[in-house]
Amino acid sequence: MALILYKNNELDKRLKCTIQRSGRLGFTDTTAKCLRLNKVEAVQFATDDEERDALFLINDVPISAPNAFKVSKAGMYYNVNAK
């Protein structure tokens, strides 16, 4: 597996994600477009078995997949209920 890191000096705007008290992750419209959340039904989260501090977001998984978290849109924001 090869990771492609986003270069912060090549992005037009800052990518933002908020963790709400309810356990919901909120993504701005710009972040959702960059992560392609505006085109997916659900996401999954994963960590590396050797590097436990790394957190990965796997997008474009079917909602019926095991351990899938639904992506929903509310106004200009996309949300993932990770509770």
C-alpha atoms as a PDB file:
ATOM      1  CA  MET A   1       0.000   0.000   0.000  1.00  0.00           C
ATOM      2  CA  ALA A   2       1.289   3.457  -0.872  1.00  0.00           C
ATOM      3  CA  LEU A   3      -0.023   6.620   0.731  1.00  0.00           C
ATOM      4  CA  ILE A   4      -0.375   9.849  -1.187  1.00  0.00           C
ATOM      5  CA  LEU A   5      -0.173  12.769   1.210  1.00  0.00           C
ATOM      6  CA  TYR A   6      -1.907  16.065   0.521  1.00  0.00           C
ATOM      7  CA  LYS A   7       0.538  18.940   0.252  1.00  0.00           C
ATOM      8  CA  ASN A   8      -0.747  21.777   2.399  1.00  0.00           C
ATOM      9  CA  ASN A   9       0.801  24.455   0.196  1.00  0.00           C
ATOM     10  CA  GLU A  10      -1.022  23.143  -2.909  1.00  0.00           C
ATOM     11  CA  LEU A  11      -4.536  23.325  -1.479  1.00  0.00           C
ATOM     12  CA  ASP A  12      -6.780  26.282  -2.311  1.00  0.00           C
ATOM     13  CA  LYS A  13      -8.415  26.345   1.122  1.00  0.00           C
ATOM     14  CA  ARG A  14      -7.807  24.753   4.486  1.00  0.00           C
ATOM     15  CA  LEU A  15      -9.388  21.361   5.062  1.00  0.00           C
ATOM     16  CA  LYS A  16     -11.498  21.285   8.216  1.00  0.00           C
ATOM     17  CA  CYS A  17     -13.080  18.503  10.192  1.00  0.00           C
ATOM     18  CA  THR A  18     -14.823  18.973  13.536  1.00  0.00           C
ATOM     19  CA  ILE A  19     -15.565  16.349  16.139  1.00  0.00           C
ATOM     20  CA  GLN A  20     -18.879  17.183  17.754  1.00  0.00           C
ATOM     21  CA  ARG A  21     -19.900  16.233  21.259  1.00  0.00           C
ATOM     22  CA  SER A  22     -22.486  13.845  19.783  1.00  0.00           C
ATOM     23  CA  GLY A  23     -19.721  11.762  18.171  1.00  0.00           C
ATOM     24  CA  ARG A  24     -20.459  13.117  14.707  1.00  0.00           C
ATOM     25  CA  LEU A  25     -17.621  14.198  12.434  1.00  0.00           C
ATOM     26  CA  GLY A  26     -18.397  17.342  10.461  1.00  0.00           C
ATOM     27  CA  PHE A  27     -16.623  18.186   7.199  1.00  0.00           C
ATOM     28  CA  THR A  28     -16.862  21.495   5.346  1.00  0.00           C
ATOM     29  CA  ASP A  29     -17.959  21.438   1.716  1.00  0.00           C
ATOM     30  CA  THR A  30     -14.372  22.086   0.577  1.00  0.00           C
ATOM     31  CA  THR A  31     -13.039  19.202   2.666  1.00  0.00           C
ATOM     32  CA  ALA A  32     -15.814  16.892   1.478  1.00  0.00           C
ATOM     33  CA  LYS A  33     -14.966  17.627  -2.151  1.00  0.00           C
ATOM     34  CA  CYS A  34     -11.241  17.055  -1.572  1.00  0.00           C
ATOM     35  CA  LEU A  35     -11.908  13.745   0.228  1.00  0.00           C
ATOM     36  CA  ARG A  36     -14.664  12.875  -2.278  1.00  0.00           C
ATOM     37  CA  LEU A  37     -17.223  12.557   0.530  1.00  0.00           C
ATOM     38  CA  ASN A  38     -19.734  14.360  -1.672  1.00  0.00           C
ATOM     39  CA  LYS A  39     -19.778  11.320  -3.979  1.00  0.00           C
ATOM     40  CA  VAL A  40     -19.852   8.427  -1.500  1.00  0.00           C
ATOM     41  CA  GLU A  41     -22.534   6.674   0.491  1.00  0.00           C
ATOM     42  CA  ALA A  42     -20.443   5.513   3.448  1.00  0.00           C
ATOM     43  CA  VAL A  43     -16.905   5.420   4.854  1.00  0.00           C
ATOM     44  CA  GLN A  44     -14.865   3.135   7.062  1.00  0.00           C
ATOM     45  CA  PHE A  45     -12.055   3.925   9.503  1.00  0.00           C
ATOM     46  CA  ALA A  46      -8.866   1.891   9.929  1.00  0.00           C
ATOM     47  CA  THR A  47      -5.506   1.941  11.674  1.00  0.00           C
ATOM     48  CA  ASP A  48      -2.212   0.353  10.697  1.00  0.00           C
ATOM     49  CA  ASP A  49      -1.341  -2.828  12.591  1.00  0.00           C
ATOM     50  CA  GLU A  50       2.228  -1.602  13.106  1.00  0.00           C
ATOM     51  CA  GLU A  51       1.648   2.152  13.460  1.00  0.00           C
ATOM     52  CA  ARG A  52      -1.352   2.468  15.764  1.00  0.00           C
ATOM     53  CA  ASP A  53      -1.229   6.283  15.768  1.00  0.00           C
ATOM     54  CA  ALA A  54      -2.186   6.440  12.080  1.00  0.00           C
ATOM     55  CA  LEU A  55      -5.889   6.811  11.264  1.00  0.00           C
ATOM     56  CA  PHE A  56      -7.202   6.144   7.775  1.00  0.00           C
ATOM     57  CA  LEU A  57     -10.537   7.077   6.244  1.00  0.00           C
ATOM     58  CA  ILE A  58     -11.645   4.663   3.535  1.00  0.00           C
ATOM     59  CA  ASN A  59     -14.289   6.201   1.333  1.00  0.00           C
ATOM     60  CA  ASP A  60     -16.595   4.852  -1.323  1.00  0.00           C
ATOM     61  CA  VAL A  61     -17.726   1.763   0.552  1.00  0.00           C
ATOM     62  CA  PRO A  62     -21.295   0.477   0.256  1.00  0.00           C
ATOM     63  CA  ILE A  63     -23.592   1.274   3.176  1.00  0.00           C
ATOM     64  CA  SER A  64     -24.174  -2.474   3.574  1.00  0.00           C
ATOM     65  CA  ALA A  65     -20.460  -3.135   4.208  1.00  0.00           C
ATOM     66  CA  PRO A  66     -19.507  -4.313   7.697  1.00  0.00           C
ATOM     67  CA  ASN A  67     -18.457  -1.429   9.946  1.00  0.00           C
ATOM     68  CA  ALA A  68     -19.594   1.220   7.447  1.00  0.00           C
ATOM     69  CA  PHE A  69     -20.452   4.721   8.650  1.00  0.00           C
ATOM     70  CA  LYS A  70     -23.081   6.583   6.631  1.00  0.00           C
ATOM     71  CA  VAL A  71     -22.176   9.944   5.074  1.00  0.00           C
ATOM     72  CA  SER A  72     -24.988  12.484   5.277  1.00  0.00           C
ATOM     73  CA  LYS A  73     -25.323  16.086   4.131  1.00  0.00           C
ATOM     74  CA  ALA A  74     -26.790  18.918   6.158  1.00  0.00           C
ATOM     75  CA  GLY A  75     -26.670  22.313   4.480  1.00  0.00           C
ATOM     76  CA  MET A  76     -23.082  23.049   3.433  1.00  0.00           C
ATOM     77  CA  TYR A  77     -21.633  20.337   5.676  1.00  0.00           C
ATOM     78  CA  TYR A  78     -21.151  16.585   5.359  1.00  0.00           C
ATOM     79  CA  ASN A  79     -21.417  14.463   8.470  1.00  0.00           C
ATOM     80  CA  VAL A  80     -20.338  11.000   9.546  1.00  0.00           C
ATOM     81  CA  ASN A  81     -21.877   9.672  12.748  1.00  0.00           C
ATOM     82  CA  ALA A  82     -18.880   7.881  14.263  1.00  0.00           C
ATOM     83  CA  LYS A  83     -20.490   7.385  17.673  1.00  0.00           C
END
